Amino acid sequence: MKISKSFHWEMGHRLPFHAGKCVNLHGHSYRLFLEVEGDIDENGLVIDFYDLKRVVNPIIEELDHAFMVSSLDPDLNGLLENFTTKRVDVDFHSSVENITKYLLDRITSNILPSNIKSVTATVYETQDAYARDTRIIKD
C-alpha cells in the first residue's frame, strides 16, 4: 500500500555554474510530494499522517523562507556573510535533484515504523519541473 502527503515551502538559491538565468539569485515555491510504501499495520495504517508530519515539518520549517547556500559557491558565501538572513548551508549545488536527495536523506534518517518498505520524494521547483528519487528501506 502507498500513501502520500504534500508539503510546501518558499526558498531562494542560485546555481553558480549555470550558463543561464539560474546563475542569478532567485527563489521557488517548492512542493514536496512524499510517498510512503509499506504493509498496513494492525491499526489499518501504513504510517499515521501525524507521524509523517512530525518527521517532515521540522525540515520544511528550516527551509521555508531561507536561502540555500552551497559551500561550493564562495561568491555567495562572501556576499551573505554580513547578512542576518535565514540560510541553510549545504555542501552541494542546490539543484532540484540534489535538494530531492537531501530531503530523502534527512527524512529516511529518522526512525520509521518497521512496516515501511520505501519512501519516494518528488520535489517540484516550478509547476512543471521536478525531480524524483526513491529510497528502499527494506525488501
N, C-alpha and C. Protein backbone atom coordinates (compact mmCIF):
# COMPACT_ATOMS: atom_id res chain seq x y z
N MET A 1 0.85 -1.17 0.00
CA MET A 1 0.00 0.00 0.00
C MET A 1 0.90 1.23 0.00
N LYS A 2 0.47 2.27 -0.70
CA LYS A 2 1.20 3.54 -0.73
C LYS A 2 0.30 4.66 -0.22
N ILE A 3 0.90 5.54 0.57
CA ILE A 3 0.19 6.76 1.00
C ILE A 3 1.07 7.95 0.59
N SER A 4 0.44 9.11 0.45
CA SER A 4 1.18 10.28 0.01
C SER A 4 0.72 11.52 0.77
N LYS A 5 1.66 12.42 1.01
CA LYS A 5 1.38 13.69 1.67
C LYS A 5 2.22 14.76 0.99
N SER A 6 1.64 15.95 0.85
CA SER A 6 2.39 17.04 0.22
C SER A 6 2.78 18.10 1.25
N PHE A 7 3.89 18.77 0.95
CA PHE A 7 4.43 19.83 1.79
C PHE A 7 4.87 20.97 0.86
N HIS A 8 4.91 22.18 1.39
CA HIS A 8 5.21 23.36 0.57
C HIS A 8 6.13 24.29 1.33
N TRP A 9 7.07 24.92 0.60
CA TRP A 9 7.91 25.95 1.20
C TRP A 9 8.44 26.88 0.10
N GLU A 10 8.86 28.05 0.55
CA GLU A 10 9.47 29.06 -0.33
C GLU A 10 10.95 29.12 0.02
N MET A 11 11.81 29.13 -1.02
CA MET A 11 13.24 29.14 -0.73
C MET A 11 14.01 29.76 -1.89
N GLY A 12 15.07 30.49 -1.53
CA GLY A 12 15.96 31.07 -2.52
C GLY A 12 17.21 30.24 -2.69
N HIS A 13 17.83 30.39 -3.87
CA HIS A 13 19.10 29.71 -4.14
C HIS A 13 19.69 30.29 -5.42
N ARG A 14 20.81 29.74 -5.83
CA ARG A 14 21.38 30.02 -7.15
C ARG A 14 22.28 28.86 -7.53
N LEU A 15 22.54 28.73 -8.81
CA LEU A 15 23.44 27.70 -9.32
C LEU A 15 24.63 28.40 -9.97
N PRO A 16 25.75 28.53 -9.26
CA PRO A 16 26.87 29.34 -9.74
C PRO A 16 27.50 28.85 -11.03
N PHE A 17 27.33 27.59 -11.36
CA PHE A 17 27.92 27.02 -12.57
C PHE A 17 27.02 27.20 -13.80
N HIS A 18 25.78 27.61 -13.59
CA HIS A 18 24.76 27.63 -14.66
C HIS A 18 25.07 28.69 -15.70
N ALA A 19 24.88 28.34 -16.97
CA ALA A 19 25.15 29.27 -18.08
C ALA A 19 23.94 30.16 -18.37
N GLY A 20 22.81 29.89 -17.73
CA GLY A 20 21.59 30.65 -17.99
C GLY A 20 21.16 31.46 -16.78
N LYS A 21 19.85 31.66 -16.68
CA LYS A 21 19.28 32.53 -15.65
C LYS A 21 19.50 32.04 -14.22
N CYS A 22 19.67 30.76 -14.04
CA CYS A 22 19.77 30.21 -12.68
C CYS A 22 21.06 30.56 -11.97
N VAL A 23 21.99 31.21 -12.66
CA VAL A 23 23.20 31.71 -12.00
C VAL A 23 22.86 32.89 -11.09
N ASN A 24 21.73 33.53 -11.36
CA ASN A 24 21.28 34.68 -10.57
C ASN A 24 20.60 34.23 -9.28
N LEU A 25 20.60 35.11 -8.28
CA LEU A 25 19.85 34.85 -7.06
C LEU A 25 18.37 34.82 -7.43
N HIS A 26 17.68 33.78 -7.02
CA HIS A 26 16.25 33.66 -7.31
C HIS A 26 15.63 32.68 -6.32
N GLY A 27 14.33 32.51 -6.40
CA GLY A 27 13.65 31.60 -5.49
C GLY A 27 12.55 30.83 -6.18
N HIS A 28 12.04 29.85 -5.47
CA HIS A 28 10.97 28.99 -5.98
C HIS A 28 9.94 28.74 -4.89
N SER A 29 8.75 28.40 -5.32
CA SER A 29 7.71 27.86 -4.45
C SER A 29 7.79 26.35 -4.60
N TYR A 30 8.52 25.71 -3.71
CA TYR A 30 8.75 24.27 -3.80
C TYR A 30 7.57 23.49 -3.25
N ARG A 31 7.35 22.32 -3.85
CA ARG A 31 6.36 21.37 -3.32
C ARG A 31 7.03 20.00 -3.24
N LEU A 32 6.87 19.37 -2.11
CA LEU A 32 7.34 18.01 -1.90
C LEU A 32 6.13 17.10 -1.83
N PHE A 33 6.13 16.08 -2.67
CA PHE A 33 5.14 15.01 -2.58
C PHE A 33 5.89 13.79 -2.06
N LEU A 34 5.54 13.39 -0.86
CA LEU A 34 6.21 12.28 -0.21
C LEU A 34 5.30 11.06 -0.25
N GLU A 35 5.81 9.99 -0.82
CA GLU A 35 5.05 8.75 -0.93
C GLU A 35 5.74 7.69 -0.07
N VAL A 36 4.97 7.06 0.79
CA VAL A 36 5.50 6.04 1.69
C VAL A 36 4.80 4.73 1.35
N GLU A 37 5.60 3.70 1.10
CA GLU A 37 5.06 2.38 0.78
C GLU A 37 5.36 1.42 1.93
N GLY A 38 4.37 0.64 2.27
CA GLY A 38 4.58 -0.34 3.32
C GLY A 38 3.35 -1.21 3.52
N ASP A 39 3.50 -2.17 4.40
CA ASP A 39 2.37 -3.02 4.75
C ASP A 39 1.45 -2.26 5.70
N ILE A 40 0.18 -2.54 5.61
CA ILE A 40 -0.79 -1.94 6.54
C ILE A 40 -0.60 -2.60 7.90
N ASP A 41 -0.49 -1.78 8.94
CA ASP A 41 -0.27 -2.31 10.29
C ASP A 41 -1.58 -2.77 10.93
N GLU A 42 -1.49 -3.20 12.18
CA GLU A 42 -2.66 -3.73 12.89
C GLU A 42 -3.74 -2.68 13.10
N ASN A 43 -3.39 -1.40 12.96
CA ASN A 43 -4.38 -0.33 13.09
C ASN A 43 -4.96 0.11 11.75
N GLY A 44 -4.53 -0.55 10.68
CA GLY A 44 -5.03 -0.21 9.35
C GLY A 44 -4.27 0.92 8.69
N LEU A 45 -3.05 1.22 9.16
CA LEU A 45 -2.27 2.34 8.64
C LEU A 45 -0.93 1.87 8.07
N VAL A 46 -0.46 2.54 7.03
CA VAL A 46 0.93 2.37 6.60
C VAL A 46 1.80 3.19 7.54
N ILE A 47 1.45 4.46 7.70
CA ILE A 47 2.04 5.35 8.70
C ILE A 47 1.00 6.42 8.98
N ASP A 48 0.88 6.82 10.21
CA ASP A 48 -0.06 7.87 10.56
C ASP A 48 0.42 9.19 9.95
N PHE A 49 -0.47 9.92 9.30
CA PHE A 49 -0.10 11.20 8.69
C PHE A 49 0.46 12.16 9.74
N TYR A 50 -0.02 12.07 10.96
CA TYR A 50 0.50 12.90 12.04
C TYR A 50 1.98 12.60 12.26
N ASP A 51 2.34 11.32 12.28
CA ASP A 51 3.73 10.93 12.48
C ASP A 51 4.60 11.36 11.30
N LEU A 52 4.05 11.28 10.11
CA LEU A 52 4.78 11.72 8.93
C LEU A 52 5.06 13.22 9.00
N LYS A 53 4.05 14.00 9.38
CA LYS A 53 4.24 15.45 9.53
C LYS A 53 5.26 15.76 10.63
N ARG A 54 5.26 14.98 11.69
CA ARG A 54 6.20 15.18 12.80
C ARG A 54 7.65 15.02 12.33
N VAL A 55 7.87 14.13 11.37
CA VAL A 55 9.20 13.92 10.81
C VAL A 55 9.56 15.02 9.80
N VAL A 56 8.62 15.36 8.92
CA VAL A 56 8.93 16.23 7.78
C VAL A 56 8.82 17.72 8.11
N ASN A 57 7.84 18.13 8.91
CA ASN A 57 7.63 19.56 9.16
C ASN A 57 8.85 20.30 9.71
N PRO A 58 9.63 19.73 10.63
CA PRO A 58 10.81 20.47 11.10
C PRO A 58 11.83 20.73 9.98
N ILE A 59 11.94 19.82 9.05
CA ILE A 59 12.84 20.00 7.91
C ILE A 59 12.33 21.13 7.02
N ILE A 60 11.03 21.10 6.74
CA ILE A 60 10.42 22.13 5.90
C ILE A 60 10.53 23.49 6.57
N GLU A 61 10.35 23.55 7.88
CA GLU A 61 10.48 24.82 8.61
C GLU A 61 11.88 25.41 8.47
N GLU A 62 12.91 24.55 8.47
CA GLU A 62 14.28 25.02 8.27
C GLU A 62 14.44 25.67 6.89
N LEU A 63 13.79 25.09 5.89
CA LEU A 63 13.95 25.55 4.51
C LEU A 63 13.07 26.74 4.16
N ASP A 64 11.91 26.85 4.81
CA ASP A 64 10.92 27.85 4.41
C ASP A 64 11.44 29.27 4.61
N HIS A 65 11.36 30.05 3.55
CA HIS A 65 11.82 31.44 3.53
C HIS A 65 13.29 31.56 3.93
N ALA A 66 14.06 30.55 3.55
CA ALA A 66 15.51 30.56 3.77
C ALA A 66 16.20 30.68 2.41
N PHE A 67 17.49 30.87 2.47
CA PHE A 67 18.31 30.85 1.27
C PHE A 67 19.25 29.67 1.40
N MET A 68 19.22 28.74 0.43
CA MET A 68 20.11 27.58 0.45
C MET A 68 21.45 28.02 -0.14
N VAL A 69 22.49 27.88 0.67
CA VAL A 69 23.82 28.37 0.30
C VAL A 69 24.79 27.20 0.25
N SER A 70 25.41 27.01 -0.90
CA SER A 70 26.35 25.92 -1.09
C SER A 70 27.76 26.35 -0.68
N SER A 71 28.47 25.44 -0.03
CA SER A 71 29.88 25.69 0.29
C SER A 71 30.71 25.75 -0.99
N LEU A 72 30.14 25.30 -2.10
CA LEU A 72 30.82 25.33 -3.40
C LEU A 72 30.65 26.68 -4.11
N ASP A 73 30.04 27.65 -3.44
CA ASP A 73 29.76 28.96 -4.02
C ASP A 73 30.39 30.06 -3.15
N PRO A 74 31.71 30.26 -3.26
CA PRO A 74 32.38 31.26 -2.41
C PRO A 74 31.87 32.68 -2.64
N ASP A 75 31.44 33.01 -3.85
CA ASP A 75 30.93 34.35 -4.12
C ASP A 75 29.68 34.63 -3.28
N LEU A 76 28.75 33.69 -3.27
CA LEU A 76 27.52 33.88 -2.50
C LEU A 76 27.81 33.87 -1.00
N ASN A 77 28.69 32.99 -0.56
CA ASN A 77 29.05 32.97 0.86
C ASN A 77 29.65 34.30 1.29
N GLY A 78 30.50 34.88 0.45
CA GLY A 78 31.09 36.18 0.75
C GLY A 78 30.05 37.28 0.80
N LEU A 79 29.10 37.23 -0.14
CA LEU A 79 28.04 38.24 -0.19
C LEU A 79 27.16 38.19 1.05
N LEU A 80 26.83 36.99 1.50
CA LEU A 80 25.86 36.83 2.59
C LEU A 80 26.49 36.83 3.99
N GLU A 81 27.80 36.87 4.08
CA GLU A 81 28.42 36.73 5.41
C GLU A 81 28.05 37.87 6.36
N ASN A 82 27.71 39.03 5.84
CA ASN A 82 27.34 40.15 6.70
C ASN A 82 25.83 40.33 6.85
N PHE A 83 25.07 39.40 6.30
CA PHE A 83 23.61 39.48 6.40
C PHE A 83 23.12 38.53 7.49
N THR A 84 22.06 38.90 8.16
CA THR A 84 21.46 38.02 9.16
C THR A 84 20.25 37.32 8.56
N THR A 85 20.39 36.92 7.33
CA THR A 85 19.30 36.26 6.62
C THR A 85 19.22 34.79 7.03
N LYS A 86 18.04 34.24 6.98
CA LYS A 86 17.85 32.81 7.26
C LYS A 86 18.49 32.02 6.12
N ARG A 87 19.35 31.10 6.47
CA ARG A 87 20.05 30.33 5.45
C ARG A 87 20.20 28.89 5.87
N VAL A 88 20.32 28.05 4.86
CA VAL A 88 20.59 26.63 5.06
C VAL A 88 21.90 26.36 4.32
N ASP A 89 22.93 26.01 5.06
CA ASP A 89 24.24 25.75 4.46
C ASP A 89 24.34 24.28 4.08
N VAL A 90 24.74 24.03 2.83
CA VAL A 90 24.86 22.67 2.32
C VAL A 90 26.20 22.52 1.59
N ASP A 91 26.59 21.28 1.36
CA ASP A 91 27.86 21.01 0.68
C ASP A 91 27.66 20.53 -0.76
N PHE A 92 26.55 20.95 -1.37
CA PHE A 92 26.24 20.56 -2.75
C PHE A 92 25.59 21.74 -3.46
N HIS A 93 25.60 21.69 -4.80
CA HIS A 93 24.87 22.70 -5.57
C HIS A 93 23.38 22.45 -5.39
N SER A 94 22.62 23.52 -5.24
CA SER A 94 21.20 23.40 -4.87
C SER A 94 20.28 23.18 -6.08
N SER A 95 20.61 22.21 -6.90
CA SER A 95 19.72 21.79 -7.99
C SER A 95 18.54 21.05 -7.38
N VAL A 96 17.45 20.97 -8.12
CA VAL A 96 16.28 20.25 -7.60
C VAL A 96 16.62 18.78 -7.37
N GLU A 97 17.52 18.22 -8.18
CA GLU A 97 17.95 16.84 -7.98
C GLU A 97 18.63 16.67 -6.62
N ASN A 98 19.57 17.57 -6.32
CA ASN A 98 20.28 17.48 -5.04
C ASN A 98 19.39 17.80 -3.85
N ILE A 99 18.45 18.72 -4.03
CA ILE A 99 17.51 19.03 -2.95
C ILE A 99 16.63 17.82 -2.66
N THR A 100 16.22 17.11 -3.69
CA THR A 100 15.41 15.90 -3.52
C THR A 100 16.19 14.85 -2.73
N LYS A 101 17.44 14.62 -3.11
CA LYS A 101 18.28 13.66 -2.40
C LYS A 101 18.49 14.10 -0.94
N TYR A 102 18.74 15.38 -0.73
CA TYR A 102 18.92 15.93 0.61
C TYR A 102 17.70 15.66 1.49
N LEU A 103 16.51 15.94 0.96
CA LEU A 103 15.28 15.70 1.72
C LEU A 103 15.09 14.22 2.02
N LEU A 104 15.32 13.39 1.03
CA LEU A 104 15.16 11.95 1.23
C LEU A 104 16.14 11.43 2.28
N ASP A 105 17.38 11.91 2.23
CA ASP A 105 18.37 11.52 3.25
C ASP A 105 17.92 11.93 4.65
N ARG A 106 17.44 13.16 4.77
CA ARG A 106 17.01 13.67 6.08
C ARG A 106 15.79 12.91 6.60
N ILE A 107 14.82 12.67 5.72
CA ILE A 107 13.58 12.02 6.14
C ILE A 107 13.83 10.57 6.53
N THR A 108 14.61 9.85 5.73
CA THR A 108 14.82 8.42 6.00
C THR A 108 15.85 8.17 7.09
N SER A 109 16.54 9.21 7.54
CA SER A 109 17.46 9.03 8.67
C SER A 109 16.69 8.97 10.00
N ASN A 110 15.42 9.34 9.97
CA ASN A 110 14.56 9.23 11.15
C ASN A 110 14.12 7.79 11.34
N ILE A 111 13.73 7.48 12.55
CA ILE A 111 13.23 6.13 12.83
C ILE A 111 11.83 6.04 12.26
N LEU A 112 11.66 5.14 11.30
CA LEU A 112 10.37 4.91 10.66
C LEU A 112 9.81 3.58 11.14
N PRO A 113 8.50 3.41 11.11
CA PRO A 113 7.91 2.14 11.52
C PRO A 113 8.50 0.97 10.72
N SER A 114 8.54 -0.19 11.33
CA SER A 114 9.18 -1.37 10.71
C SER A 114 8.44 -1.89 9.48
N ASN A 115 7.20 -1.45 9.27
CA ASN A 115 6.44 -1.92 8.12
C ASN A 115 6.73 -1.12 6.84
N ILE A 116 7.53 -0.06 6.93
CA ILE A 116 7.81 0.80 5.79
C ILE A 116 8.83 0.12 4.87
N LYS A 117 8.48 0.05 3.58
CA LYS A 117 9.36 -0.58 2.58
C LYS A 117 10.16 0.43 1.78
N SER A 118 9.55 1.56 1.43
CA SER A 118 10.26 2.56 0.64
C SER A 118 9.64 3.94 0.85
N VAL A 119 10.44 4.95 0.55
CA VAL A 119 9.99 6.33 0.61
C VAL A 119 10.41 6.99 -0.70
N THR A 120 9.46 7.64 -1.37
CA THR A 120 9.73 8.35 -2.61
C THR A 120 9.46 9.83 -2.40
N ALA A 121 10.41 10.65 -2.80
CA ALA A 121 10.26 12.10 -2.72
C ALA A 121 10.22 12.66 -4.13
N THR A 122 9.19 13.46 -4.41
CA THR A 122 9.09 14.19 -5.67
C THR A 122 9.06 15.66 -5.30
N VAL A 123 10.04 16.42 -5.79
CA VAL A 123 10.16 17.83 -5.46
C VAL A 123 9.98 18.65 -6.73
N TYR A 124 8.94 19.49 -6.70
CA TYR A 124 8.69 20.44 -7.79
C TYR A 124 9.33 21.77 -7.42
N GLU A 125 10.14 22.33 -8.34
CA GLU A 125 10.64 23.68 -8.11
C GLU A 125 9.86 24.69 -8.94
N THR A 126 9.14 24.23 -9.94
CA THR A 126 8.18 25.04 -10.69
C THR A 126 6.96 24.17 -10.92
N GLN A 127 5.95 24.70 -11.59
CA GLN A 127 4.74 23.92 -11.82
C GLN A 127 5.00 22.69 -12.68
N ASP A 128 6.01 22.75 -13.54
CA ASP A 128 6.21 21.64 -14.47
C ASP A 128 7.64 21.09 -14.49
N ALA A 129 8.43 21.37 -13.47
CA ALA A 129 9.79 20.86 -13.40
C ALA A 129 10.01 20.23 -12.03
N TYR A 130 10.41 18.96 -12.03
CA TYR A 130 10.57 18.26 -10.76
C TYR A 130 11.66 17.20 -10.86
N ALA A 131 12.07 16.70 -9.70
CA ALA A 131 12.97 15.55 -9.58
C ALA A 131 12.31 14.56 -8.64
N ARG A 132 12.60 13.27 -8.87
CA ARG A 132 12.01 12.22 -8.04
C ARG A 132 13.10 11.19 -7.72
N ASP A 133 13.10 10.73 -6.49
CA ASP A 133 14.03 9.68 -6.08
C ASP A 133 13.34 8.80 -5.04
N THR A 134 13.76 7.55 -4.99
CA THR A 134 13.18 6.57 -4.07
C THR A 134 14.27 5.97 -3.21
N ARG A 135 13.99 5.80 -1.94
CA ARG A 135 14.89 5.12 -1.03
C ARG A 135 14.21 3.83 -0.58
N ILE A 136 14.85 2.71 -0.85
CA ILE A 136 14.35 1.40 -0.40
C ILE A 136 14.79 1.22 1.05
N ILE A 137 13.82 1.01 1.93
CA ILE A 137 14.10 0.81 3.35
C ILE A 137 14.32 -0.67 3.63
N LYS A 138 13.44 -1.49 3.07
CA LYS A 138 13.60 -2.94 3.18
C LYS A 138 12.86 -3.59 2.03
N ASP A 139 13.35 -4.76 1.62
CA ASP A 139 12.71 -5.51 0.52
C ASP A 139 11.55 -6.32 1.01
